[in-house]
Amino acid sequence: MPAYQAGMAEESAQIWAIIRNPEAPTFENTIVAMDRAGALLRKVTPVFSGVSSVNSNPELQALARQFSPMMSKHSDDIILNPDLFKRVKAVYEQKDQLNLGQSY
């Protein structure tokens, strides 16, 4: 639980730093920064999932039931944040000038 809480707190702080950035939104200070946010949480989640799927027990199952709504709320708080959306939209509106190329 402490690792999940620390990971969510870290990612939330990183996302708020992006939102509060006084500079105009750019690909680097918005999209790249979002991609880098949440490193600890991206490490903790697969470790817990791997351990709980291989070595499940009532305690781990109870933790998983606690994590699920916490992670849903955490994700929703980021994805549905209107101020973050404005920054992403501002970058999207620059897409033709950014010359990022296409890769598929």
PDB file of N, CA and C in Angstrom:
ATOM      1  N   MET A   1       0.816  -1.198   0.000  1.00  0.00           N
ATOM      2  CA  MET A   1       0.000   0.000   0.000  1.00  0.00           C
ATOM      3  C   MET A   1       0.864   1.268   0.000  1.00  0.00           C
ATOM      4  N   PRO A   2       1.907   1.334   0.835  1.00  0.00           N
ATOM      5  CA  PRO A   2       2.715   2.563   0.828  1.00  0.00           C
ATOM      6  C   PRO A   2       3.350   2.860  -0.533  1.00  0.00           C
ATOM      7  N   ALA A   3       3.750   1.823  -1.252  1.00  0.00           N
ATOM      8  CA  ALA A   3       4.355   2.047  -2.570  1.00  0.00           C
ATOM      9  C   ALA A   3       3.330   2.607  -3.557  1.00  0.00           C
ATOM     10  N   TYR A   4       2.118   2.073  -3.537  1.00  0.00           N
ATOM     11  CA  TYR A   4       1.058   2.609  -4.399  1.00  0.00           C
ATOM     12  C   TYR A   4       0.750   4.060  -4.027  1.00  0.00           C
ATOM     13  N   GLN A   5       0.616   4.325  -2.753  1.00  0.00           N
ATOM     14  CA  GLN A   5       0.309   5.688  -2.315  1.00  0.00           C
ATOM     15  C   GLN A   5       1.420   6.654  -2.714  1.00  0.00           C
ATOM     16  N   ALA A   6       2.667   6.242  -2.539  1.00  0.00           N
ATOM     17  CA  ALA A   6       3.793   7.096  -2.929  1.00  0.00           C
ATOM     18  C   ALA A   6       3.802   7.313  -4.441  1.00  0.00           C
ATOM     19  N   GLY A   7       3.538   6.265  -5.188  1.00  0.00           N
ATOM     20  CA  GLY A   7       3.507   6.370  -6.647  1.00  0.00           C
ATOM     21  C   GLY A   7       2.409   7.300  -7.141  1.00  0.00           C
ATOM     22  N   MET A   8       1.233   7.186  -6.552  1.00  0.00           N
ATOM     23  CA  MET A   8       0.127   8.065  -6.956  1.00  0.00           C
ATOM     24  C   MET A   8       0.412   9.513  -6.553  1.00  0.00           C
ATOM     25  N   ALA A   9       0.975   9.709  -5.368  1.00  0.00           N
ATOM     26  CA  ALA A   9       1.310  11.067  -4.918  1.00  0.00           C
ATOM     27  C   ALA A   9       2.364  11.686  -5.830  1.00  0.00           C
ATOM     28  N   GLU A  10       3.357  10.897  -6.185  1.00  0.00           N
ATOM     29  CA  GLU A  10       4.415  11.394  -7.068  1.00  0.00           C
ATOM     30  C   GLU A  10       3.858  11.784  -8.438  1.00  0.00           C
ATOM     31  N   GLU A  11       3.039  10.900  -9.004  1.00  0.00           N
ATOM     32  CA  GLU A  11       2.475  11.195 -10.323  1.00  0.00           C
ATOM     33  C   GLU A  11       1.546  12.403 -10.262  1.00  0.00           C
ATOM     34  N   SER A  12       0.742  12.502  -9.222  1.00  0.00           N
ATOM     35  CA  SER A  12      -0.149  13.657  -9.078  1.00  0.00           C
ATOM     36  C   SER A  12       0.655  14.954  -9.017  1.00  0.00           C
ATOM     37  N   ALA A  13       1.739  14.953  -8.256  1.00  0.00           N
ATOM     38  CA  ALA A  13       2.586  16.150  -8.154  1.00  0.00           C
ATOM     39  C   ALA A  13       3.201  16.493  -9.507  1.00  0.00           C
ATOM     40  N   GLN A  14       3.607  15.475 -10.246  1.00  0.00           N
ATOM     41  CA  GLN A  14       4.200  15.720 -11.565  1.00  0.00           C
ATOM     42  C   GLN A  14       3.164  16.265 -12.543  1.00  0.00           C
ATOM     43  N   ILE A  15       1.965  15.749 -12.488  1.00  0.00           N
ATOM     44  CA  ILE A  15       0.904  16.246 -13.377  1.00  0.00           C
ATOM     45  C   ILE A  15       0.536  17.682 -13.002  1.00  0.00           C
ATOM     46  N   TRP A  16       0.442  17.964 -11.710  1.00  0.00           N
ATOM     47  CA  TRP A  16       0.133  19.339 -11.296  1.00  0.00           C
ATOM     48  C   TRP A  16       1.236  20.305 -11.713  1.00  0.00           C
ATOM     49  N   ALA A  17       2.470  19.848 -11.721  1.00  0.00           N
ATOM     50  CA  ALA A  17       3.568  20.702 -12.184  1.00  0.00           C
ATOM     51  C   ALA A  17       3.396  21.034 -13.669  1.00  0.00           C
ATOM     52  N   ILE A  18       2.927  20.073 -14.438  1.00  0.00           N
ATOM     53  CA  ILE A  18       2.658  20.315 -15.862  1.00  0.00           C
ATOM     54  C   ILE A  18       1.531  21.330 -16.003  1.00  0.00           C
ATOM     55  N   ILE A  19       0.467  21.129 -15.262  1.00  0.00           N
ATOM     56  CA  ILE A  19      -0.689  22.018 -15.350  1.00  0.00           C
ATOM     57  C   ILE A  19      -0.325  23.446 -14.947  1.00  0.00           C
ATOM     58  N   ARG A  20       0.472  23.575 -13.902  1.00  0.00           N
ATOM     59  CA  ARG A  20       0.833  24.904 -13.383  1.00  0.00           C
ATOM     60  C   ARG A  20       1.997  25.559 -14.118  1.00  0.00           C
ATOM     61  N   ASN A  21       2.573  24.863 -15.064  1.00  0.00           N
ATOM     62  CA  ASN A  21       3.706  25.424 -15.798  1.00  0.00           C
ATOM     63  C   ASN A  21       3.269  26.729 -16.465  1.00  0.00           C
ATOM     64  N   PRO A  22       3.937  27.834 -16.142  1.00  0.00           N
ATOM     65  CA  PRO A  22       3.512  29.123 -16.708  1.00  0.00           C
ATOM     66  C   PRO A  22       3.893  29.297 -18.182  1.00  0.00           C
ATOM     67  N   GLU A  23       4.777  28.432 -18.688  1.00  0.00           N
ATOM     68  CA  GLU A  23       5.165  28.530 -20.090  1.00  0.00           C
ATOM     69  C   GLU A  23       4.033  28.040 -20.984  1.00  0.00           C
ATOM     70  N   ALA A  24       4.028  28.531 -22.200  1.00  0.00           N
ATOM     71  CA  ALA A  24       3.036  28.065 -23.176  1.00  0.00           C
ATOM     72  C   ALA A  24       3.215  26.565 -23.378  1.00  0.00           C
ATOM     73  N   PRO A  25       2.113  25.843 -23.580  1.00  0.00           N
ATOM     74  CA  PRO A  25       2.212  24.393 -23.781  1.00  0.00           C
ATOM     75  C   PRO A  25       3.028  24.048 -25.028  1.00  0.00           C
ATOM     76  N   THR A  26       3.972  23.153 -24.857  1.00  0.00           N
ATOM     77  CA  THR A  26       4.756  22.630 -25.971  1.00  0.00           C
ATOM     78  C   THR A  26       4.705  21.110 -25.896  1.00  0.00           C
ATOM     79  N   PHE A  27       5.168  20.488 -26.956  1.00  0.00           N
ATOM     80  CA  PHE A  27       5.219  19.027 -26.954  1.00  0.00           C
ATOM     81  C   PHE A  27       6.098  18.548 -25.804  1.00  0.00           C
ATOM     82  N   GLU A  28       7.233  19.199 -25.614  1.00  0.00           N
ATOM     83  CA  GLU A  28       8.191  18.789 -24.578  1.00  0.00           C
ATOM     84  C   GLU A  28       7.634  18.998 -23.172  1.00  0.00           C
ATOM     85  N   ASN A  29       7.103  20.196 -22.890  1.00  0.00           N
ATOM     86  CA  ASN A  29       6.687  20.490 -21.500  1.00  0.00           C
ATOM     87  C   ASN A  29       5.291  19.987 -21.160  1.00  0.00           C
ATOM     88  N   THR A  30       4.634  19.385 -22.111  1.00  0.00           N
ATOM     89  CA  THR A  30       3.303  18.819 -21.840  1.00  0.00           C
ATOM     90  C   THR A  30       3.269  17.323 -22.135  1.00  0.00           C
ATOM     91  N   ILE A  31       3.415  16.954 -23.377  1.00  0.00           N
ATOM     92  CA  ILE A  31       3.265  15.554 -23.772  1.00  0.00           C
ATOM     93  C   ILE A  31       4.423  14.702 -23.243  1.00  0.00           C
ATOM     94  N   VAL A  32       5.648  15.151 -23.460  1.00  0.00           N
ATOM     95  CA  VAL A  32       6.796  14.389 -22.968  1.00  0.00           C
ATOM     96  C   VAL A  32       6.779  14.346 -21.442  1.00  0.00           C
ATOM     97  N   ALA A  33       6.464  15.471 -20.819  1.00  0.00           N
ATOM     98  CA  ALA A  33       6.396  15.503 -19.349  1.00  0.00           C
ATOM     99  C   ALA A  33       5.322  14.545 -18.826  1.00  0.00           C
ATOM    100  N   MET A  34       4.179  14.476 -19.493  1.00  0.00           N
ATOM    101  CA  MET A  34       3.133  13.530 -19.084  1.00  0.00           C
ATOM    102  C   MET A  34       3.623  12.100 -19.241  1.00  0.00           C
ATOM    103  N   ASP A  35       4.333  11.831 -20.325  1.00  0.00           N
ATOM    104  CA  ASP A  35       4.834  10.486 -20.569  1.00  0.00           C
ATOM    105  C   ASP A  35       5.835  10.065 -19.496  1.00  0.00           C
ATOM    106  N   ARG A  36       6.598  11.002 -18.993  1.00  0.00           N
ATOM    107  CA  ARG A  36       7.598  10.701 -17.964  1.00  0.00           C
ATOM    108  C   ARG A  36       6.992  10.628 -16.560  1.00  0.00           C
ATOM    109  N   ALA A  37       5.850  11.225 -16.371  1.00  0.00           N
ATOM    110  CA  ALA A  37       5.216  11.247 -15.044  1.00  0.00           C
ATOM    111  C   ALA A  37       4.786   9.835 -14.640  1.00  0.00           C
ATOM    112  N   GLY A  38       4.869   9.564 -13.362  1.00  0.00           N
ATOM    113  CA  GLY A  38       4.353   8.302 -12.844  1.00  0.00           C
ATOM    114  C   GLY A  38       5.294   7.122 -12.950  1.00  0.00           C
ATOM    115  N   ALA A  39       6.599   7.370 -13.012  1.00  0.00           N
ATOM    116  CA  ALA A  39       7.560   6.272 -13.165  1.00  0.00           C
ATOM    117  C   ALA A  39       7.463   5.265 -12.015  1.00  0.00           C
ATOM    118  N   LEU A  40       7.353   5.760 -10.798  1.00  0.00           N
ATOM    119  CA  LEU A  40       7.269   4.853  -9.653  1.00  0.00           C
ATOM    120  C   LEU A  40       6.013   3.982  -9.740  1.00  0.00           C
ATOM    121  N   LEU A  41       4.905   4.582 -10.084  1.00  0.00           N
ATOM    122  CA  LEU A  41       3.653   3.831 -10.183  1.00  0.00           C
ATOM    123  C   LEU A  41       3.725   2.777 -11.291  1.00  0.00           C
ATOM    124  N   ARG A  42       4.414   3.112 -12.390  1.00  0.00           N
ATOM    125  CA  ARG A  42       4.581   2.129 -13.477  1.00  0.00           C
ATOM    126  C   ARG A  42       5.478   0.965 -13.058  1.00  0.00           C
ATOM    127  N   LYS A  43       6.296   1.167 -12.043  1.00  0.00           N
ATOM    128  CA  LYS A  43       7.118   0.069 -11.522  1.00  0.00           C
ATOM    129  C   LYS A  43       6.340  -0.763 -10.510  1.00  0.00           C
ATOM    130  N   VAL A  44       5.606  -0.095  -9.645  1.00  0.00           N
ATOM    131  CA  VAL A  44       4.899  -0.769  -8.558  1.00  0.00           C
ATOM    132  C   VAL A  44       3.769  -1.651  -9.091  1.00  0.00           C
ATOM    133  N   THR A  45       3.011  -1.159 -10.032  1.00  0.00           N
ATOM    134  CA  THR A  45       1.820  -1.864 -10.511  1.00  0.00           C
ATOM    135  C   THR A  45       2.135  -3.255 -11.072  1.00  0.00           C
ATOM    136  N   PRO A  46       3.082  -3.396 -12.007  1.00  0.00           N
ATOM    137  CA  PRO A  46       3.323  -4.752 -12.511  1.00  0.00           C
ATOM    138  C   PRO A  46       3.952  -5.680 -11.470  1.00  0.00           C
ATOM    139  N   VAL A  47       4.715  -5.119 -10.546  1.00  0.00           N
ATOM    140  CA  VAL A  47       5.298  -5.970  -9.504  1.00  0.00           C
ATOM    141  C   VAL A  47       4.187  -6.555  -8.640  1.00  0.00           C
ATOM    142  N   PHE A  48       3.275  -5.690  -8.186  1.00  0.00           N
ATOM    143  CA  PHE A  48       2.174  -6.190  -7.363  1.00  0.00           C
ATOM    144  C   PHE A  48       1.313  -7.170  -8.149  1.00  0.00           C
ATOM    145  N   SER A  49       1.017  -6.837  -9.396  1.00  0.00           N
ATOM    146  CA  SER A  49       0.191  -7.727 -10.221  1.00  0.00           C
ATOM    147  C   SER A  49       0.849  -9.089 -10.395  1.00  0.00           C
ATOM    148  N   GLY A  50       2.148  -9.082 -10.643  1.00  0.00           N
ATOM    149  CA  GLY A  50       2.854 -10.344 -10.823  1.00  0.00           C
ATOM    150  C   GLY A  50       2.859 -11.184  -9.560  1.00  0.00           C
ATOM    151  N   VAL A  51       3.157 -10.551  -8.448  1.00  0.00           N
ATOM    152  CA  VAL A  51       3.192 -11.277  -7.178  1.00  0.00           C
ATOM    153  C   VAL A  51       1.806 -11.796  -6.818  1.00  0.00           C
ATOM    154  N   SER A  52       0.795 -10.938  -6.956  1.00  0.00           N
ATOM    155  CA  SER A  52      -0.548 -11.362  -6.542  1.00  0.00           C
ATOM    156  C   SER A  52      -1.142 -12.413  -7.478  1.00  0.00           C
ATOM    157  N   SER A  53      -0.714 -12.442  -8.735  1.00  0.00           N
ATOM    158  CA  SER A  53      -1.260 -13.465  -9.627  1.00  0.00           C
ATOM    159  C   SER A  53      -0.562 -14.808  -9.435  1.00  0.00           C
ATOM    160  N   VAL A  54       0.694 -14.800  -9.021  1.00  0.00           N
ATOM    161  CA  VAL A  54       1.443 -16.037  -8.831  1.00  0.00           C
ATOM    162  C   VAL A  54       1.288 -16.581  -7.422  1.00  0.00           C
ATOM    163  N   ASN A  55       1.168 -15.680  -6.474  1.00  0.00           N
ATOM    164  CA  ASN A  55       1.166 -16.085  -5.067  1.00  0.00           C
ATOM    165  C   ASN A  55      -0.019 -15.445  -4.344  1.00  0.00           C
ATOM    166  N   SER A  56      -1.190 -15.620  -4.884  1.00  0.00           N
ATOM    167  CA  SER A  56      -2.363 -14.965  -4.315  1.00  0.00           C
ATOM    168  C   SER A  56      -2.734 -15.568  -2.962  1.00  0.00           C
ATOM    169  N   ASN A  57      -3.211 -14.684  -2.114  1.00  0.00           N
ATOM    170  CA  ASN A  57      -3.718 -15.102  -0.812  1.00  0.00           C
ATOM    171  C   ASN A  57      -4.767 -14.080  -0.403  1.00  0.00           C
ATOM    172  N   PRO A  58      -5.513 -14.334   0.644  1.00  0.00           N
ATOM    173  CA  PRO A  58      -6.581 -13.401   1.035  1.00  0.00           C
ATOM    174  C   PRO A  58      -6.083 -11.973   1.294  1.00  0.00           C
ATOM    175  N   GLU A  59      -4.892 -11.835   1.852  1.00  0.00           N
ATOM    176  CA  GLU A  59      -4.362 -10.495   2.128  1.00  0.00           C
ATOM    177  C   GLU A  59      -4.081  -9.731   0.826  1.00  0.00           C
ATOM    178  N   LEU A  60      -3.453 -10.401  -0.132  1.00  0.00           N
ATOM    179  CA  LEU A  60      -3.181  -9.752  -1.417  1.00  0.00           C
ATOM    180  C   LEU A  60      -4.471  -9.464  -2.176  1.00  0.00           C
ATOM    181  N   GLN A  61      -5.432 -10.365  -2.088  1.00  0.00           N
ATOM    182  CA  GLN A  61      -6.718 -10.130  -2.747  1.00  0.00           C
ATOM    183  C   GLN A  61      -7.424  -8.917  -2.138  1.00  0.00           C
ATOM    184  N   ALA A  62      -7.323  -8.769  -0.834  1.00  0.00           N
ATOM    185  CA  ALA A  62      -7.929  -7.611  -0.166  1.00  0.00           C
ATOM    186  C   ALA A  62      -7.236  -6.322  -0.612  1.00  0.00           C
ATOM    187  N   LEU A  63      -5.915  -6.363  -0.726  1.00  0.00           N
ATOM    188  CA  LEU A  63      -5.185  -5.192  -1.207  1.00  0.00           C
ATOM    189  C   LEU A  63      -5.589  -4.848  -2.638  1.00  0.00           C
ATOM    190  N   ALA A  64      -5.727  -5.854  -3.473  1.00  0.00           N
ATOM    191  CA  ALA A  64      -6.129  -5.619  -4.864  1.00  0.00           C
ATOM    192  C   ALA A  64      -7.505  -4.958  -4.929  1.00  0.00           C
ATOM    193  N   ARG A  65      -8.399  -5.370  -4.044  1.00  0.00           N
ATOM    194  CA  ARG A  65      -9.725  -4.739  -4.006  1.00  0.00           C
ATOM    195  C   ARG A  65      -9.634  -3.285  -3.561  1.00  0.00           C
ATOM    196  N   GLN A  66      -8.679  -2.963  -2.730  1.00  0.00           N
ATOM    197  CA  GLN A  66      -8.474  -1.569  -2.311  1.00  0.00           C
ATOM    198  C   GLN A  66      -7.828  -0.754  -3.430  1.00  0.00           C
ATOM    199  N   PHE A  67      -6.862  -1.343  -4.122  1.00  0.00           N
ATOM    200  CA  PHE A  67      -6.129  -0.623  -5.168  1.00  0.00           C
ATOM    201  C   PHE A  67      -7.010  -0.267  -6.357  1.00  0.00           C
ATOM    202  N   SER A  68      -7.904  -1.140  -6.706  1.00  0.00           N
ATOM    203  CA  SER A  68      -8.702  -0.930  -7.911  1.00  0.00           C
ATOM    204  C   SER A  68      -9.449   0.404  -7.913  1.00  0.00           C
ATOM    205  N   PRO A  69     -10.260   0.714  -6.901  1.00  0.00           N
ATOM    206  CA  PRO A  69     -10.943   2.017  -6.937  1.00  0.00           C
ATOM    207  C   PRO A  69      -9.984   3.187  -6.753  1.00  0.00           C
ATOM    208  N   MET A  70      -8.909   2.975  -6.004  1.00  0.00           N
ATOM    209  CA  MET A  70      -7.921   4.041  -5.834  1.00  0.00           C
ATOM    210  C   MET A  70      -7.264   4.390  -7.170  1.00  0.00           C
ATOM    211  N   MET A  71      -6.887   3.369  -7.914  1.00  0.00           N
ATOM    212  CA  MET A  71      -6.238   3.592  -9.206  1.00  0.00           C
ATOM    213  C   MET A  71      -7.208   4.181 -10.220  1.00  0.00           C
ATOM    214  N   SER A  72      -8.469   3.752 -10.161  1.00  0.00           N
ATOM    215  CA  SER A  72      -9.476   4.317 -11.066  1.00  0.00           C
ATOM    216  C   SER A  72      -9.660   5.806 -10.803  1.00  0.00           C
ATOM    217  N   LYS A  73      -9.775   6.174  -9.541  1.00  0.00           N
ATOM    218  CA  LYS A  73      -9.927   7.586  -9.191  1.00  0.00           C
ATOM    219  C   LYS A  73      -8.689   8.375  -9.595  1.00  0.00           C
ATOM    220  N   HIS A  74      -7.530   7.823  -9.317  1.00  0.00           N
ATOM    221  CA  HIS A  74      -6.279   8.498  -9.661  1.00  0.00           C
ATOM    222  C   HIS A  74      -6.207   8.751 -11.170  1.00  0.00           C
ATOM    223  N   SER A  75      -6.497   7.724 -11.953  1.00  0.00           N
ATOM    224  CA  SER A  75      -6.477   7.868 -13.416  1.00  0.00           C
ATOM    225  C   SER A  75      -7.508   8.878 -13.889  1.00  0.00           C
ATOM    226  N   ASP A  76      -8.704   8.793 -13.343  1.00  0.00           N
ATOM    227  CA  ASP A  76      -9.763   9.742 -13.717  1.00  0.00           C
ATOM    228  C   ASP A  76      -9.364  11.168 -13.380  1.00  0.00           C
ATOM    229  N   ASP A  77      -8.740  11.365 -12.220  1.00  0.00           N
ATOM    230  CA  ASP A  77      -8.326  12.713 -11.817  1.00  0.00           C
ATOM    231  C   ASP A  77      -7.338  13.309 -12.820  1.00  0.00           C
ATOM    232  N   ILE A  78      -6.536  12.472 -13.436  1.00  0.00           N
ATOM    233  CA  ILE A  78      -5.577  12.956 -14.438  1.00  0.00           C
ATOM    234  C   ILE A  78      -6.262  13.107 -15.794  1.00  0.00           C
ATOM    235  N   ILE A  79      -6.874  12.049 -16.259  1.00  0.00           N
ATOM    236  CA  ILE A  79      -7.443  12.030 -17.608  1.00  0.00           C
ATOM    237  C   ILE A  79      -8.556  13.062 -17.777  1.00  0.00           C
ATOM    238  N   LEU A  80      -9.344  13.261 -16.736  1.00  0.00           N
ATOM    239  CA  LEU A  80     -10.495  14.169 -16.838  1.00  0.00           C
ATOM    240  C   LEU A  80     -10.199  15.574 -16.342  1.00  0.00           C
ATOM    241  N   ASN A  81      -8.930  15.891 -16.090  1.00  0.00           N
ATOM    242  CA  ASN A  81      -8.588  17.223 -15.591  1.00  0.00           C
ATOM    243  C   ASN A  81      -8.728  18.242 -16.724  1.00  0.00           C
ATOM    244  N   PRO A  82      -9.631  19.211 -16.580  1.00  0.00           N
ATOM    245  CA  PRO A  82      -9.870  20.157 -17.671  1.00  0.00           C
ATOM    246  C   PRO A  82      -8.664  21.046 -17.976  1.00  0.00           C
ATOM    247  N   ASP A  83      -7.868  21.373 -16.972  1.00  0.00           N
ATOM    248  CA  ASP A  83      -6.693  22.214 -17.220  1.00  0.00           C
ATOM    249  C   ASP A  83      -5.605  21.456 -17.974  1.00  0.00           C
ATOM    250  N   LEU A  84      -5.450  20.191 -17.654  1.00  0.00           N
ATOM    251  CA  LEU A  84      -4.500  19.366 -18.396  1.00  0.00           C
ATOM    252  C   LEU A  84      -4.991  19.185 -19.830  1.00  0.00           C
ATOM    253  N   PHE A  85      -6.292  18.981 -19.992  1.00  0.00           N
ATOM    254  CA  PHE A  85      -6.864  18.846 -21.328  1.00  0.00           C
ATOM    255  C   PHE A  85      -6.575  20.087 -22.174  1.00  0.00           C
ATOM    256  N   LYS A  86      -6.678  21.267 -21.571  1.00  0.00           N
ATOM    257  CA  LYS A  86      -6.397  22.510 -22.308  1.00  0.00           C
ATOM    258  C   LYS A  86      -4.970  22.539 -22.821  1.00  0.00           C
ATOM    259  N   ARG A  87      -4.036  22.101 -21.992  1.00  0.00           N
ATOM    260  CA  ARG A  87      -2.632  22.083 -22.424  1.00  0.00           C
ATOM    261  C   ARG A  87      -2.431  21.082 -23.560  1.00  0.00           C
ATOM    262  N   VAL A  88      -3.008  19.897 -23.418  1.00  0.00           N
ATOM    263  CA  VAL A  88      -2.863  18.877 -24.462  1.00  0.00           C
ATOM    264  C   VAL A  88      -3.516  19.366 -25.758  1.00  0.00           C
ATOM    265  N   LYS A  89      -4.669  19.986 -25.634  1.00  0.00           N
ATOM    266  CA  LYS A  89      -5.357  20.512 -26.814  1.00  0.00           C
ATOM    267  C   LYS A  89      -4.521  21.589 -27.499  1.00  0.00           C
ATOM    268  N   ALA A  90      -3.888  22.447 -26.705  1.00  0.00           N
ATOM    269  CA  ALA A  90      -3.038  23.501 -27.275  1.00  0.00           C
ATOM    270  C   ALA A  90      -1.876  22.890 -28.060  1.00  0.00           C
ATOM    271  N   VAL A  91      -1.306  21.809 -27.555  1.00  0.00           N
ATOM    272  CA  VAL A  91      -0.230  21.132 -28.281  1.00  0.00           C
ATOM    273  C   VAL A  91      -0.786  20.481 -29.541  1.00  0.00           C
ATOM    274  N   TYR A  92      -1.942  19.848 -29.419  1.00  0.00           N
ATOM    275  CA  TYR A  92      -2.567  19.202 -30.581  1.00  0.00           C
ATOM    276  C   TYR A  92      -2.824  20.227 -31.692  1.00  0.00           C
ATOM    277  N   GLU A  93      -3.240  21.394 -31.312  1.00  0.00           N
ATOM    278  CA  GLU A  93      -3.523  22.429 -32.311  1.00  0.00           C
ATOM    279  C   GLU A  93      -2.251  22.909 -33.011  1.00  0.00           C
ATOM    280  N   GLN A  94      -1.094  22.585 -32.477  1.00  0.00           N
ATOM    281  CA  GLN A  94       0.183  22.941 -33.096  1.00  0.00           C
ATOM    282  C   GLN A  94       0.750  21.804 -33.935  1.00  0.00           C
ATOM    283  N   LYS A  95       0.031  20.713 -34.043  1.00  0.00           N
ATOM    284  CA  LYS A  95       0.583  19.489 -34.626  1.00  0.00           C
ATOM    285  C   LYS A  95       1.173  19.682 -36.015  1.00  0.00           C
ATOM    286  N   ASP A  96       0.573  20.517 -36.833  1.00  0.00           N
ATOM    287  CA  ASP A  96       1.084  20.715 -38.185  1.00  0.00           C
ATOM    288  C   ASP A  96       2.428  21.456 -38.182  1.00  0.00           C
ATOM    289  N   GLN A  97       2.642  22.314 -37.211  1.00  0.00           N
ATOM    290  CA  GLN A  97       3.883  23.074 -37.129  1.00  0.00           C
ATOM    291  C   GLN A  97       4.989  22.295 -36.405  1.00  0.00           C
ATOM    292  N   LEU A  98       4.631  21.267 -35.670  1.00  0.00           N
ATOM    293  CA  LEU A  98       5.618  20.537 -34.879  1.00  0.00           C
ATOM    294  C   LEU A  98       6.493  19.601 -35.690  1.00  0.00           C
ATOM    295  N   ASN A  99       6.021  19.211 -36.849  1.00  0.00           N
ATOM    296  CA  ASN A  99       6.799  18.345 -37.730  1.00  0.00           C
ATOM    297  C   ASN A  99       7.317  17.116 -36.984  1.00  0.00           C
ATOM    298  N   LEU A 100       6.424  16.449 -36.307  1.00  0.00           N
ATOM    299  CA  LEU A 100       6.794  15.273 -35.531  1.00  0.00           C
ATOM    300  C   LEU A 100       6.896  14.018 -36.374  1.00  0.00           C
ATOM    301  N   GLY A 101       6.328  14.061 -37.557  1.00  0.00           N
ATOM    302  CA  GLY A 101       6.355  12.889 -38.411  1.00  0.00           C
ATOM    303  C   GLY A 101       5.316  11.874 -37.959  1.00  0.00           C
ATOM    304  N   GLN A 102       5.198  10.857 -38.716  1.00  0.00           N
ATOM    305  CA  GLN A 102       4.265   9.797 -38.388  1.00  0.00           C
ATOM    306  C   GLN A 102       5.018   8.487 -38.298  1.00  0.00           C
ATOM    307  N   SER A 103       4.671   7.730 -37.317  1.00  0.00           N
ATOM    308  CA  SER A 103       5.268   6.398 -37.215  1.00  0.00           C
ATOM    309  C   SER A 103       4.164   5.398 -36.916  1.00  0.00           C
ATOM    310  N   TYR A 104       3.988   4.489 -37.820  1.00  0.00           N
ATOM    311  CA  TYR A 104       3.071   3.391 -37.588  1.00  0.00           C
ATOM    312  C   TYR A 104       3.610   2.166 -38.198  1.00  0.00           C
TER     313      TYR A 104
END
